[in-house]
C-alpha atoms as a PDB file:
ATOM      1  CA  MET A   1     153.800 105.442  33.677  1.00  0.00           C
ATOM      2  CA  SER A   2     153.116 109.126  34.132  1.00  0.00           C
ATOM      3  CA  LYS A   3     150.225 110.048  36.404  1.00  0.00           C
ATOM      4  CA  ASN A   4     148.940 112.407  33.690  1.00  0.00           C
ATOM      5  CA  VAL A   5     148.268 109.601  31.218  1.00  0.00           C
ATOM      6  CA  LYS A   6     144.637 108.593  31.649  1.00  0.00           C
ATOM      7  CA  SER A   7     144.760 105.378  29.632  1.00  0.00           C
ATOM      8  CA  LYS A   8     147.856 103.388  28.865  1.00  0.00           C
ATOM      9  CA  GLU A   9     146.167 101.882  25.814  1.00  0.00           C
ATOM     10  CA  ASN A  10     144.679 105.072  24.343  1.00  0.00           C
ATOM     11  CA  PRO A  11     146.601 108.147  25.461  1.00  0.00           C
ATOM     12  CA  THR A  12     145.965 111.433  23.698  1.00  0.00           C
ATOM     13  CA  PHE A  13     148.672 112.573  21.309  1.00  0.00           C
ATOM     14  CA  GLU A  14     149.905 115.079  23.860  1.00  0.00           C
ATOM     15  CA  GLU A  15     149.986 112.511  26.676  1.00  0.00           C
ATOM     16  CA  ALA A  16     151.835 110.002  24.520  1.00  0.00           C
ATOM     17  CA  LEU A  17     154.363 112.584  23.363  1.00  0.00           C
ATOM     18  CA  LYS A  18     155.003 113.790  26.914  1.00  0.00           C
ATOM     19  CA  ARG A  19     155.540 110.233  28.164  1.00  0.00           C
ATOM     20  CA  LEU A  20     157.772 109.485  25.187  1.00  0.00           C
ATOM     21  CA  GLU A  21     159.902 112.516  26.070  1.00  0.00           C
ATOM     22  CA  GLU A  22     160.147 111.270  29.673  1.00  0.00           C
ATOM     23  CA  ILE A  23     161.302 107.865  28.454  1.00  0.00           C
ATOM     24  CA  VAL A  24     163.919 109.385  26.164  1.00  0.00           C
ATOM     25  CA  ASP A  25     165.260 111.533  29.007  1.00  0.00           C
ATOM     26  CA  THR A  26     165.454 108.505  31.309  1.00  0.00           C
ATOM     27  CA  LEU A  27     167.191 106.333  28.726  1.00  0.00           C
ATOM     28  CA  GLU A  28     169.634 109.085  27.802  1.00  0.00           C
ATOM     29  CA  ALA A  29     170.537 109.560  31.463  1.00  0.00           C
ATOM     30  CA  GLY A  30     171.563 105.909  31.639  1.00  0.00           C
ATOM     31  CA  SER A  31     170.307 105.666  35.193  1.00  0.00           C
ATOM     32  CA  VAL A  32     168.212 102.504  34.901  1.00  0.00           C
ATOM     33  CA  PRO A  33     169.244  98.850  34.715  1.00  0.00           C
ATOM     34  CA  LEU A  34     169.237  97.031  31.395  1.00  0.00           C
ATOM     35  CA  ASP A  35     165.961  95.176  32.017  1.00  0.00           C
ATOM     36  CA  GLU A  36     164.172  98.413  32.852  1.00  0.00           C
ATOM     37  CA  SER A  37     165.746 100.116  29.827  1.00  0.00           C
ATOM     38  CA  ILE A  38     164.343  97.420  27.568  1.00  0.00           C
ATOM     39  CA  LYS A  39     160.869  97.835  29.078  1.00  0.00           C
ATOM     40  CA  LEU A  40     161.068 101.603  28.635  1.00  0.00           C
ATOM     41  CA  TYR A  41     162.272 101.204  25.057  1.00  0.00           C
ATOM     42  CA  GLU A  42     159.341  98.907  24.289  1.00  0.00           C
ATOM     43  CA  GLU A  43     156.895 101.368  25.855  1.00  0.00           C
ATOM     44  CA  GLY A  44     158.495 104.172  23.864  1.00  0.00           C
ATOM     45  CA  MET A  45     158.113 102.292  20.608  1.00  0.00           C
ATOM     46  CA  THR A  46     154.435 101.652  21.378  1.00  0.00           C
ATOM     47  CA  LEU A  47     153.922 105.342  22.142  1.00  0.00           C
ATOM     48  CA  ALA A  48     155.764 106.396  18.979  1.00  0.00           C
ATOM     49  CA  LYS A  49     153.495 104.128  16.929  1.00  0.00           C
ATOM     50  CA  SER A  50     150.447 105.644  18.637  1.00  0.00           C
ATOM     51  CA  CYS A  51     151.662 109.155  17.838  1.00  0.00           C
ATOM     52  CA  MET A  52     152.254 108.271  14.187  1.00  0.00           C
ATOM     53  CA  THR A  53     148.800 106.714  13.929  1.00  0.00           C
ATOM     54  CA  GLN A  54     147.163 109.769  15.449  1.00  0.00           C
ATOM     55  CA  LEU A  55     149.096 112.077  13.123  1.00  0.00           C
ATOM     56  CA  SER A  56     148.031 110.011  10.113  1.00  0.00           C
ATOM     57  CA  GLU A  57     144.408 110.186  11.238  1.00  0.00           C
ATOM     58  CA  ALA A  58     144.675 113.954  11.682  1.00  0.00           C
ATOM     59  CA  LYS A  59     146.178 114.271   8.221  1.00  0.00           C
ATOM     60  CA  LEU A  60     143.267 112.298   6.739  1.00  0.00           C
ATOM     61  CA  LYS A  61     140.770 114.539   8.547  1.00  0.00           C
ATOM     62  CA  LEU A  62     142.495 117.619   7.142  1.00  0.00           C
ATOM     63  CA  LYS A  63     142.274 116.169   3.637  1.00  0.00           C
ATOM     64  CA  LYS A  64     138.547 115.509   4.089  1.00  0.00           C
ATOM     65  CA  ILE A  65     137.934 119.025   5.390  1.00  0.00           C
ATOM     66  CA  GLN A  66     139.870 120.530   2.499  1.00  0.00           C
ATOM     67  CA  LYS A  67     137.942 118.393  -0.003  1.00  0.00           C
ATOM     68  CA  ASN A  68     134.624 119.496   1.526  1.00  0.00           C
ATOM     69  CA  PHE A  69     135.623 123.086   0.868  1.00  0.00           C
ATOM     70  CA  GLY A  70     136.312 122.373  -2.788  1.00  0.00           C
ATOM     71  CA  GLY A  71     140.076 122.325  -2.610  1.00  0.00           C
ATOM     72  CA  THR A  72     142.714 119.692  -2.676  1.00  0.00           C
ATOM     73  CA  LEU A  73     145.462 119.041  -0.248  1.00  0.00           C
ATOM     74  CA  ASP A  74     148.802 117.926  -1.590  1.00  0.00           C
ATOM     75  CA  GLU A  75     150.963 115.537   0.466  1.00  0.00           C
ATOM     76  CA  THR A  76     153.617 118.244   0.633  1.00  0.00           C
ATOM     77  CA  ASP A  77     151.150 120.657   2.256  1.00  0.00           C
ATOM     78  CA  ILE A  78     151.260 118.705   5.518  1.00  0.00           C
ATOM     79  CA  GLU A  79     154.534 117.810   7.142  1.00  0.00           C
ATOM     80  CA  LEU A  80     154.570 115.187   9.845  1.00  0.00           C
END
């Protein structure tokens, strides 16, 4: 795991995305054995899920902010 990631269980969006990019680069290079590739793939899937969750939470916050200012936010206004 990257030294920059403070918590494996709760990385920030930016930390998770950076680590996910590292994993993709490693897997694309094909330089690790199969067992390690599987572990990296699993970690990558966990990080991808974390990123999607964080994006969904951010989207909900934006909707709440918009509602508080008297407007509405259409699903098409925010692209993930």
